[in-house]
Amino acid sequence: MEKETCCSYKKKSRSEEEKKNLLSRLNRIEGQVGGIKRMIEDDRYCDDVLIQLSAVDKAIKSFAGLLLDLHMHSCVIEGVQKGDLEVIDEMVDLFKRFQ
C-alpha cells in the first residue's frame, strides 16, 4: 500500500496560544506577500522587490523552524512514547525536504 503524503490522515490538537502564534506569523507573511504583489503592480525597482522576497523567505523559514520545534516536542515524543517508531521515519523524510 502506498504511504499517504503530508500525513493527511493525522490531526494535531494545538493550544489556543500555539494557534494564535502560528496564525499571527502566517498573517504577517501573507501581508508581506501582498506587499510584494503591490510592488510589482507599482513597477517598483527589482532590488526593492528582491529585498522583500528575502524577508518573506526568512519569515517562512522561521515559521517552519517553529513548527518543526513544536512537532518534535509534541508529536514525535508522543509517538515514540506510544511505540510508534514511524514518527522517526517521518522526521527523516521532513529533514530531507528541508535540505
PDB file of N, CA and C in Angstrom:
ATOM      1  N   MET A   1       0.849  -1.186   0.000  1.00  0.00           N
ATOM      2  CA  MET A   1       0.000   0.000   0.000  1.00  0.00           C
ATOM      3  C   MET A   1       0.890   1.243   0.000  1.00  0.00           C
ATOM      4  N   GLU A   2       0.506   2.238  -0.780  1.00  0.00           N
ATOM      5  CA  GLU A   2       1.278   3.468  -0.880  1.00  0.00           C
ATOM      6  C   GLU A   2       1.029   4.349   0.336  1.00  0.00           C
ATOM      7  N   LYS A   3       2.104   4.913   0.864  1.00  0.00           N
ATOM      8  CA  LYS A   3       2.005   5.783   2.037  1.00  0.00           C
ATOM      9  C   LYS A   3       1.360   7.111   1.645  1.00  0.00           C
ATOM     10  N   GLU A   4       0.424   7.582   2.454  1.00  0.00           N
ATOM     11  CA  GLU A   4      -0.209   8.870   2.185  1.00  0.00           C
ATOM     12  C   GLU A   4       0.798   9.985   2.386  1.00  0.00           C
ATOM     13  N   THR A   5       0.645  11.051   1.632  1.00  0.00           N
ATOM     14  CA  THR A   5       1.579  12.168   1.735  1.00  0.00           C
ATOM     15  C   THR A   5       1.059  13.213   2.711  1.00  0.00           C
ATOM     16  N   CYS A   6       1.984  13.942   3.270  1.00  0.00           N
ATOM     17  CA  CYS A   6       1.694  15.067   4.160  1.00  0.00           C
ATOM     18  C   CYS A   6       0.868  14.670   5.389  1.00  0.00           C
ATOM     19  N   CYS A   7       0.947  13.431   5.768  1.00  0.00           N
ATOM     20  CA  CYS A   7       0.250  12.977   6.982  1.00  0.00           C
ATOM     21  C   CYS A   7      -1.209  13.413   6.985  1.00  0.00           C
ATOM     22  N   SER A   8      -1.872  13.366   5.838  1.00  0.00           N
ATOM     23  CA  SER A   8      -3.248  13.847   5.728  1.00  0.00           C
ATOM     24  C   SER A   8      -4.209  13.037   6.567  1.00  0.00           C
ATOM     25  N   TYR A   9      -3.782  11.905   7.033  1.00  0.00           N
ATOM     26  CA  TYR A   9      -4.629  11.053   7.848  1.00  0.00           C
ATOM     27  C   TYR A   9      -4.481  11.346   9.334  1.00  0.00           C
ATOM     28  N   LYS A  10      -3.615  12.246   9.679  1.00  0.00           N
ATOM     29  CA  LYS A  10      -3.369  12.570  11.080  1.00  0.00           C
ATOM     30  C   LYS A  10      -3.874  13.963  11.395  1.00  0.00           C
ATOM     31  N   LYS A  11      -4.133  14.197  12.659  1.00  0.00           N
ATOM     32  CA  LYS A  11      -4.539  15.518  13.140  1.00  0.00           C
ATOM     33  C   LYS A  11      -3.648  15.887  14.318  1.00  0.00           C
ATOM     34  N   LYS A  12      -3.553  17.180  14.582  1.00  0.00           N
ATOM     35  CA  LYS A  12      -2.753  17.684  15.694  1.00  0.00           C
ATOM     36  C   LYS A  12      -3.579  18.706  16.453  1.00  0.00           C
ATOM     37  N   SER A  13      -3.833  18.439  17.713  1.00  0.00           N
ATOM     38  CA  SER A  13      -4.519  19.421  18.561  1.00  0.00           C
ATOM     39  C   SER A  13      -3.490  20.429  19.042  1.00  0.00           C
ATOM     40  N   ARG A  14      -3.815  21.697  18.853  1.00  0.00           N
ATOM     41  CA  ARG A  14      -2.913  22.765  19.291  1.00  0.00           C
ATOM     42  C   ARG A  14      -3.619  23.613  20.323  1.00  0.00           C
ATOM     43  N   SER A  15      -2.841  24.138  21.249  1.00  0.00           N
ATOM     44  CA  SER A  15      -3.411  25.046  22.245  1.00  0.00           C
ATOM     45  C   SER A  15      -3.809  26.340  21.544  1.00  0.00           C
ATOM     46  N   GLU A  16      -4.666  27.097  22.177  1.00  0.00           N
ATOM     47  CA  GLU A  16      -5.078  28.385  21.615  1.00  0.00           C
ATOM     48  C   GLU A  16      -3.876  29.305  21.463  1.00  0.00           C
ATOM     49  N   GLU A  17      -2.931  29.246  22.395  1.00  0.00           N
ATOM     50  CA  GLU A  17      -1.730  30.080  22.312  1.00  0.00           C
ATOM     51  C   GLU A  17      -0.869  29.688  21.107  1.00  0.00           C
ATOM     52  N   GLU A  18      -0.716  28.371  20.886  1.00  0.00           N
ATOM     53  CA  GLU A  18       0.047  27.909  19.715  1.00  0.00           C
ATOM     54  C   GLU A  18      -0.622  28.374  18.421  1.00  0.00           C
ATOM     55  N   LYS A  19      -1.938  28.176  18.332  1.00  0.00           N
ATOM     56  CA  LYS A  19      -2.670  28.602  17.131  1.00  0.00           C
ATOM     57  C   LYS A  19      -2.515  30.090  16.899  1.00  0.00           C
ATOM     58  N   LYS A  20      -2.659  30.863  17.970  1.00  0.00           N
ATOM     59  CA  LYS A  20      -2.562  32.316  17.851  1.00  0.00           C
ATOM     60  C   LYS A  20      -1.185  32.718  17.333  1.00  0.00           C
ATOM     61  N   ASN A  21      -0.140  32.123  17.875  1.00  0.00           N
ATOM     62  CA  ASN A  21       1.230  32.439  17.470  1.00  0.00           C
ATOM     63  C   ASN A  21       1.470  32.037  16.016  1.00  0.00           C
ATOM     64  N   LEU A  22       1.077  30.823  15.651  1.00  0.00           N
ATOM     65  CA  LEU A  22       1.284  30.354  14.283  1.00  0.00           C
ATOM     66  C   LEU A  22       0.491  31.187  13.280  1.00  0.00           C
ATOM     67  N   LEU A  23      -0.775  31.445  13.597  1.00  0.00           N
ATOM     68  CA  LEU A  23      -1.608  32.224  12.684  1.00  0.00           C
ATOM     69  C   LEU A  23      -1.135  33.665  12.565  1.00  0.00           C
ATOM     70  N   SER A  24      -0.628  34.214  13.651  1.00  0.00           N
ATOM     71  CA  SER A  24      -0.087  35.574  13.613  1.00  0.00           C
ATOM     72  C   SER A  24       1.098  35.646  12.656  1.00  0.00           C
ATOM     73  N   ARG A  25       1.970  34.656  12.742  1.00  0.00           N
ATOM     74  CA  ARG A  25       3.129  34.617  11.838  1.00  0.00           C
ATOM     75  C   ARG A  25       2.685  34.465  10.382  1.00  0.00           C
ATOM     76  N   LEU A  26       1.700  33.584  10.151  1.00  0.00           N
ATOM     77  CA  LEU A  26       1.206  33.389   8.790  1.00  0.00           C
ATOM     78  C   LEU A  26       0.542  34.650   8.257  1.00  0.00           C
ATOM     79  N   ASN A  27      -0.193  35.351   9.103  1.00  0.00           N
ATOM     80  CA  ASN A  27      -0.822  36.611   8.680  1.00  0.00           C
ATOM     81  C   ASN A  27       0.236  37.636   8.289  1.00  0.00           C
ATOM     82  N   ARG A  28       1.324  37.672   9.053  1.00  0.00           N
ATOM     83  CA  ARG A  28       2.418  38.594   8.748  1.00  0.00           C
ATOM     84  C   ARG A  28       3.043  38.244   7.394  1.00  0.00           C
ATOM     85  N   ILE A  29       3.252  36.949   7.160  1.00  0.00           N
ATOM     86  CA  ILE A  29       3.817  36.502   5.880  1.00  0.00           C
ATOM     87  C   ILE A  29       2.864  36.853   4.745  1.00  0.00           C
ATOM     88  N   GLU A  30       1.589  36.613   4.961  1.00  0.00           N
ATOM     89  CA  GLU A  30       0.583  36.944   3.955  1.00  0.00           C
ATOM     90  C   GLU A  30       0.607  38.433   3.625  1.00  0.00           C
ATOM     91  N   GLY A  31       0.763  39.267   4.645  1.00  0.00           N
ATOM     92  CA  GLY A  31       0.858  40.710   4.428  1.00  0.00           C
ATOM     93  C   GLY A  31       2.099  41.077   3.639  1.00  0.00           C
ATOM     94  N   GLN A  32       3.210  40.410   3.936  1.00  0.00           N
ATOM     95  CA  GLN A  32       4.444  40.676   3.201  1.00  0.00           C
ATOM     96  C   GLN A  32       4.286  40.304   1.723  1.00  0.00           C
ATOM     97  N   VAL A  33       3.655  39.159   1.466  1.00  0.00           N
ATOM     98  CA  VAL A  33       3.450  38.722   0.084  1.00  0.00           C
ATOM     99  C   VAL A  33       2.522  39.705  -0.639  1.00  0.00           C
ATOM    100  N   GLY A  34       1.496  40.176   0.043  1.00  0.00           N
ATOM    101  CA  GLY A  34       0.612  41.189  -0.546  1.00  0.00           C
ATOM    102  C   GLY A  34       1.373  42.458  -0.883  1.00  0.00           C
ATOM    103  N   GLY A  35       2.307  42.822  -0.008  1.00  0.00           N
ATOM    104  CA  GLY A  35       3.136  43.995  -0.272  1.00  0.00           C
ATOM    105  C   GLY A  35       3.998  43.818  -1.509  1.00  0.00           C
ATOM    106  N   ILE A  36       4.513  42.611  -1.687  1.00  0.00           N
ATOM    107  CA  ILE A  36       5.322  42.330  -2.878  1.00  0.00           C
ATOM    108  C   ILE A  36       4.452  42.414  -4.128  1.00  0.00           C
ATOM    109  N   LYS A  37       3.253  41.902  -4.037  1.00  0.00           N
ATOM    110  CA  LYS A  37       2.329  41.981  -5.178  1.00  0.00           C
ATOM    111  C   LYS A  37       2.086  43.440  -5.559  1.00  0.00           C
ATOM    112  N   ARG A  38       1.857  44.284  -4.549  1.00  0.00           N
ATOM    113  CA  ARG A  38       1.638  45.714  -4.822  1.00  0.00           C
ATOM    114  C   ARG A  38       2.892  46.363  -5.412  1.00  0.00           C
ATOM    115  N   MET A  39       4.060  45.922  -4.959  1.00  0.00           N
ATOM    116  CA  MET A  39       5.303  46.456  -5.505  1.00  0.00           C
ATOM    117  C   MET A  39       5.406  46.155  -7.002  1.00  0.00           C
ATOM    118  N   ILE A  40       5.033  44.951  -7.385  1.00  0.00           N
ATOM    119  CA  ILE A  40       5.060  44.575  -8.805  1.00  0.00           C
ATOM    120  C   ILE A  40       4.049  45.418  -9.577  1.00  0.00           C
ATOM    121  N   GLU A  41       2.847  45.560  -9.031  1.00  0.00           N
ATOM    122  CA  GLU A  41       1.816  46.363  -9.684  1.00  0.00           C
ATOM    123  C   GLU A  41       2.260  47.813  -9.842  1.00  0.00           C
ATOM    124  N   ASP A  42       3.053  48.309  -8.889  1.00  0.00           N
ATOM    125  CA  ASP A  42       3.530  49.693  -8.911  1.00  0.00           C
ATOM    126  C   ASP A  42       4.859  49.859  -9.644  1.00  0.00           C
ATOM    127  N   ASP A  43       5.308  48.783 -10.294  1.00  0.00           N
ATOM    128  CA  ASP A  43       6.563  48.820 -11.060  1.00  0.00           C
ATOM    129  C   ASP A  43       7.765  49.224 -10.207  1.00  0.00           C
ATOM    130  N   ARG A  44       7.818  48.726  -8.992  1.00  0.00           N
ATOM    131  CA  ARG A  44       8.962  49.031  -8.120  1.00  0.00           C
ATOM    132  C   ARG A  44      10.232  48.383  -8.653  1.00  0.00           C
ATOM    133  N   TYR A  45      11.332  48.942  -8.285  1.00  0.00           N
ATOM    134  CA  TYR A  45      12.653  48.501  -8.730  1.00  0.00           C
ATOM    135  C   TYR A  45      12.928  47.068  -8.251  1.00  0.00           C
ATOM    136  N   CYS A  46      13.592  46.291  -9.101  1.00  0.00           N
ATOM    137  CA  CYS A  46      13.843  44.870  -8.827  1.00  0.00           C
ATOM    138  C   CYS A  46      14.537  44.635  -7.490  1.00  0.00           C
ATOM    139  N   ASP A  47      15.551  45.456  -7.185  1.00  0.00           N
ATOM    140  CA  ASP A  47      16.270  45.283  -5.919  1.00  0.00           C
ATOM    141  C   ASP A  47      15.327  45.376  -4.723  1.00  0.00           C
ATOM    142  N   ASP A  48      14.404  46.328  -4.764  1.00  0.00           N
ATOM    143  CA  ASP A  48      13.451  46.502  -3.665  1.00  0.00           C
ATOM    144  C   ASP A  48      12.566  45.275  -3.513  1.00  0.00           C
ATOM    145  N   VAL A  49      12.116  44.732  -4.645  1.00  0.00           N
ATOM    146  CA  VAL A  49      11.262  43.539  -4.614  1.00  0.00           C
ATOM    147  C   VAL A  49      12.055  42.351  -4.082  1.00  0.00           C
ATOM    148  N   LEU A  50      13.274  42.204  -4.552  1.00  0.00           N
ATOM    149  CA  LEU A  50      14.113  41.084  -4.111  1.00  0.00           C
ATOM    150  C   LEU A  50      14.414  41.156  -2.612  1.00  0.00           C
ATOM    151  N   ILE A  51      14.619  42.344  -2.100  1.00  0.00           N
ATOM    152  CA  ILE A  51      14.848  42.503  -0.655  1.00  0.00           C
ATOM    153  C   ILE A  51      13.623  42.042   0.120  1.00  0.00           C
ATOM    154  N   GLN A  52      12.445  42.398  -0.361  1.00  0.00           N
ATOM    155  CA  GLN A  52      11.219  41.966   0.313  1.00  0.00           C
ATOM    156  C   GLN A  52      11.022  40.453   0.190  1.00  0.00           C
ATOM    157  N   LEU A  53      11.386  39.897  -0.963  1.00  0.00           N
ATOM    158  CA  LEU A  53      11.313  38.444  -1.133  1.00  0.00           C
ATOM    159  C   LEU A  53      12.235  37.738  -0.145  1.00  0.00           C
ATOM    160  N   SER A  54      13.387  38.304   0.078  1.00  0.00           N
ATOM    161  CA  SER A  54      14.324  37.740   1.047  1.00  0.00           C
ATOM    162  C   SER A  54      13.720  37.747   2.454  1.00  0.00           C
ATOM    163  N   ALA A  55      13.022  38.827   2.782  1.00  0.00           N
ATOM    164  CA  ALA A  55      12.372  38.920   4.096  1.00  0.00           C
ATOM    165  C   ALA A  55      11.278  37.859   4.237  1.00  0.00           C
ATOM    166  N   VAL A  56      10.521  37.634   3.163  1.00  0.00           N
ATOM    167  CA  VAL A  56       9.470  36.605   3.192  1.00  0.00           C
ATOM    168  C   VAL A  56      10.100  35.225   3.341  1.00  0.00           C
ATOM    169  N   ASP A  57      11.176  34.993   2.609  1.00  0.00           N
ATOM    170  CA  ASP A  57      11.878  33.711   2.696  1.00  0.00           C
ATOM    171  C   ASP A  57      12.327  33.444   4.137  1.00  0.00           C
ATOM    172  N   LYS A  58      12.895  34.451   4.772  1.00  0.00           N
ATOM    173  CA  LYS A  58      13.345  34.295   6.161  1.00  0.00           C
ATOM    174  C   LYS A  58      12.164  34.066   7.096  1.00  0.00           C
ATOM    175  N   ALA A  59      11.061  34.760   6.854  1.00  0.00           N
ATOM    176  CA  ALA A  59       9.870  34.593   7.697  1.00  0.00           C
ATOM    177  C   ALA A  59       9.302  33.184   7.554  1.00  0.00           C
ATOM    178  N   ILE A  60       9.289  32.657   6.342  1.00  0.00           N
ATOM    179  CA  ILE A  60       8.783  31.296   6.120  1.00  0.00           C
ATOM    180  C   ILE A  60       9.710  30.278   6.780  1.00  0.00           C
ATOM    181  N   LYS A  61      11.009  30.470   6.649  1.00  0.00           N
ATOM    182  CA  LYS A  61      11.955  29.551   7.294  1.00  0.00           C
ATOM    183  C   LYS A  61      11.828  29.606   8.810  1.00  0.00           C
ATOM    184  N   SER A  62      11.610  30.785   9.347  1.00  0.00           N
ATOM    185  CA  SER A  62      11.410  30.927  10.782  1.00  0.00           C
ATOM    186  C   SER A  62      10.132  30.213  11.226  1.00  0.00           C
ATOM    187  N   PHE A  63       9.062  30.366  10.434  1.00  0.00           N
ATOM    188  CA  PHE A  63       7.802  29.688  10.726  1.00  0.00           C
ATOM    189  C   PHE A  63       7.993  28.175  10.690  1.00  0.00           C
ATOM    190  N   ALA A  64       8.686  27.690   9.663  1.00  0.00           N
ATOM    191  CA  ALA A  64       8.943  26.250   9.536  1.00  0.00           C
ATOM    192  C   ALA A  64       9.761  25.748  10.722  1.00  0.00           C
ATOM    193  N   GLY A  65      10.742  26.519  11.151  1.00  0.00           N
ATOM    194  CA  GLY A  65      11.555  26.135  12.310  1.00  0.00           C
ATOM    195  C   GLY A  65      10.731  26.042  13.574  1.00  0.00           C
ATOM    196  N   LEU A  66       9.855  27.002  13.771  1.00  0.00           N
ATOM    197  CA  LEU A  66       8.979  26.974  14.949  1.00  0.00           C
ATOM    198  C   LEU A  66       8.066  25.756  14.911  1.00  0.00           C
ATOM    199  N   LEU A  67       7.457  25.510  13.755  1.00  0.00           N
ATOM    200  CA  LEU A  67       6.552  24.366  13.622  1.00  0.00           C
ATOM    201  C   LEU A  67       7.300  23.051  13.814  1.00  0.00           C
ATOM    202  N   LEU A  68       8.505  22.961  13.288  1.00  0.00           N
ATOM    203  CA  LEU A  68       9.325  21.767  13.470  1.00  0.00           C
ATOM    204  C   LEU A  68       9.648  21.558  14.944  1.00  0.00           C
ATOM    205  N   ASP A  69      10.001  22.617  15.628  1.00  0.00           N
ATOM    206  CA  ASP A  69      10.286  22.543  17.063  1.00  0.00           C
ATOM    207  C   ASP A  69       9.062  22.045  17.833  1.00  0.00           C
ATOM    208  N   LEU A  70       7.907  22.624  17.536  1.00  0.00           N
ATOM    209  CA  LEU A  70       6.676  22.194  18.202  1.00  0.00           C
ATOM    210  C   LEU A  70       6.375  20.732  17.892  1.00  0.00           C
ATOM    211  N   HIS A  71       6.573  20.345  16.646  1.00  0.00           N
ATOM    212  CA  HIS A  71       6.305  18.975  16.220  1.00  0.00           C
ATOM    213  C   HIS A  71       7.194  17.984  16.969  1.00  0.00           C
ATOM    214  N   MET A  72       8.470  18.296  17.040  1.00  0.00           N
ATOM    215  CA  MET A  72       9.403  17.377  17.705  1.00  0.00           C
ATOM    216  C   MET A  72       9.108  17.261  19.198  1.00  0.00           C
ATOM    217  N   HIS A  73       8.702  18.368  19.808  1.00  0.00           N
ATOM    218  CA  HIS A  73       8.453  18.349  21.247  1.00  0.00           C
ATOM    219  C   HIS A  73       7.053  17.868  21.616  1.00  0.00           C
ATOM    220  N   SER A  74       6.243  17.565  20.622  1.00  0.00           N
ATOM    221  CA  SER A  74       4.910  17.043  20.936  1.00  0.00           C
ATOM    222  C   SER A  74       4.660  15.753  20.165  1.00  0.00           C
ATOM    223  N   CYS A  75       4.409  15.859  18.898  1.00  0.00           N
ATOM    224  CA  CYS A  75       4.024  14.699  18.079  1.00  0.00           C
ATOM    225  C   CYS A  75       5.074  13.589  18.101  1.00  0.00           C
ATOM    226  N   VAL A  76       6.329  13.952  17.897  1.00  0.00           N
ATOM    227  CA  VAL A  76       7.377  12.934  17.824  1.00  0.00           C
ATOM    228  C   VAL A  76       7.568  12.256  19.181  1.00  0.00           C
ATOM    229  N   ILE A  77       7.653  13.042  20.238  1.00  0.00           N
ATOM    230  CA  ILE A  77       7.826  12.460  21.575  1.00  0.00           C
ATOM    231  C   ILE A  77       6.646  11.560  21.925  1.00  0.00           C
ATOM    232  N   GLU A  78       5.436  12.049  21.667  1.00  0.00           N
ATOM    233  CA  GLU A  78       4.244  11.247  21.962  1.00  0.00           C
ATOM    234  C   GLU A  78       4.247   9.952  21.156  1.00  0.00           C
ATOM    235  N   GLY A  79       4.608  10.034  19.881  1.00  0.00           N
ATOM    236  CA  GLY A  79       4.648   8.840  19.037  1.00  0.00           C
ATOM    237  C   GLY A  79       5.630   7.810  19.543  1.00  0.00           C
ATOM    238  N   VAL A  80       6.833   8.247  19.872  1.00  0.00           N
ATOM    239  CA  VAL A  80       7.857   7.332  20.381  1.00  0.00           C
ATOM    240  C   VAL A  80       7.403   6.715  21.703  1.00  0.00           C
ATOM    241  N   GLN A  81       6.839   7.527  22.589  1.00  0.00           N
ATOM    242  CA  GLN A  81       6.368   7.006  23.870  1.00  0.00           C
ATOM    243  C   GLN A  81       5.276   5.949  23.691  1.00  0.00           C
ATOM    244  N   LYS A  82       4.492   6.073  22.614  1.00  0.00           N
ATOM    245  CA  LYS A  82       3.428   5.102  22.327  1.00  0.00           C
ATOM    246  C   LYS A  82       3.944   3.907  21.519  1.00  0.00           C
ATOM    247  N   GLY A  83       5.235   3.915  21.208  1.00  0.00           N
ATOM    248  CA  GLY A  83       5.816   2.824  20.437  1.00  0.00           C
ATOM    249  C   GLY A  83       5.654   2.978  18.933  1.00  0.00           C
ATOM    250  N   ASP A  84       5.206   4.138  18.481  1.00  0.00           N
ATOM    251  CA  ASP A  84       5.031   4.395  17.044  1.00  0.00           C
ATOM    252  C   ASP A  84       6.336   4.944  16.480  1.00  0.00           C
ATOM    253  N   LEU A  85       7.215   4.048  16.070  1.00  0.00           N
ATOM    254  CA  LEU A  85       8.519   4.478  15.563  1.00  0.00           C
ATOM    255  C   LEU A  85       8.453   5.000  14.132  1.00  0.00           C
ATOM    256  N   GLU A  86       7.279   4.943  13.509  1.00  0.00           N
ATOM    257  CA  GLU A  86       7.090   5.529  12.185  1.00  0.00           C
ATOM    258  C   GLU A  86       7.338   7.045  12.227  1.00  0.00           C
ATOM    259  N   VAL A  87       7.148   7.657  13.390  1.00  0.00           N
ATOM    260  CA  VAL A  87       7.382   9.101  13.501  1.00  0.00           C
ATOM    261  C   VAL A  87       8.841   9.445  13.226  1.00  0.00           C
ATOM    262  N   ILE A  88       9.740   8.514  13.491  1.00  0.00           N
ATOM    263  CA  ILE A  88      11.162   8.747  13.201  1.00  0.00           C
ATOM    264  C   ILE A  88      11.363   8.804  11.681  1.00  0.00           C
ATOM    265  N   ASP A  89      10.731   7.866  10.968  1.00  0.00           N
ATOM    266  CA  ASP A  89      10.817   7.882   9.505  1.00  0.00           C
ATOM    267  C   ASP A  89      10.232   9.170   8.940  1.00  0.00           C
ATOM    268  N   GLU A  90       9.132   9.623   9.524  1.00  0.00           N
ATOM    269  CA  GLU A  90       8.519  10.878   9.082  1.00  0.00           C
ATOM    270  C   GLU A  90       9.482  12.038   9.267  1.00  0.00           C
ATOM    271  N   MET A  91      10.190  12.060  10.406  1.00  0.00           N
ATOM    272  CA  MET A  91      11.143  13.141  10.664  1.00  0.00           C
ATOM    273  C   MET A  91      12.292  13.105   9.660  1.00  0.00           C
ATOM    274  N   VAL A  92      12.781  11.919   9.352  1.00  0.00           N
ATOM    275  CA  VAL A  92      13.861  11.787   8.368  1.00  0.00           C
ATOM    276  C   VAL A  92      13.390  12.335   7.026  1.00  0.00           C
ATOM    277  N   ASP A  93      12.172  11.968   6.623  1.00  0.00           N
ATOM    278  CA  ASP A  93      11.615  12.487   5.367  1.00  0.00           C
ATOM    279  C   ASP A  93      11.490  14.014   5.400  1.00  0.00           C
ATOM    280  N   LEU A  94      11.064  14.553   6.535  1.00  0.00           N
ATOM    281  CA  LEU A  94      10.949  16.007   6.666  1.00  0.00           C
ATOM    282  C   LEU A  94      12.306  16.688   6.521  1.00  0.00           C
ATOM    283  N   PHE A  95      13.320  16.130   7.191  1.00  0.00           N
ATOM    284  CA  PHE A  95      14.649  16.727   7.098  1.00  0.00           C
ATOM    285  C   PHE A  95      15.170  16.683   5.659  1.00  0.00           C
ATOM    286  N   LYS A  96      14.860  15.629   4.934  1.00  0.00           N
ATOM    287  CA  LYS A  96      15.274  15.556   3.534  1.00  0.00           C
ATOM    288  C   LYS A  96      14.639  16.657   2.699  1.00  0.00           C
ATOM    289  N   ARG A  97      13.401  16.996   3.010  1.00  0.00           N
ATOM    290  CA  ARG A  97      12.712  18.050   2.267  1.00  0.00           C
ATOM    291  C   ARG A  97      13.318  19.431   2.525  1.00  0.00           C
ATOM    292  N   PHE A  98      13.916  19.622   3.685  1.00  0.00           N
ATOM    293  CA  PHE A  98      14.451  20.933   4.048  1.00  0.00           C
ATOM    294  C   PHE A  98      15.912  21.104   3.656  1.00  0.00           C
ATOM    295  N   GLN A  99      16.487  20.124   2.977  1.00  0.00           N
ATOM    296  CA  GLN A  99      17.891  20.239   2.564  1.00  0.00           C
ATOM    297  C   GLN A  99      18.029  21.140   1.380  1.00  0.00           C
TER     298      GLN A  99
END
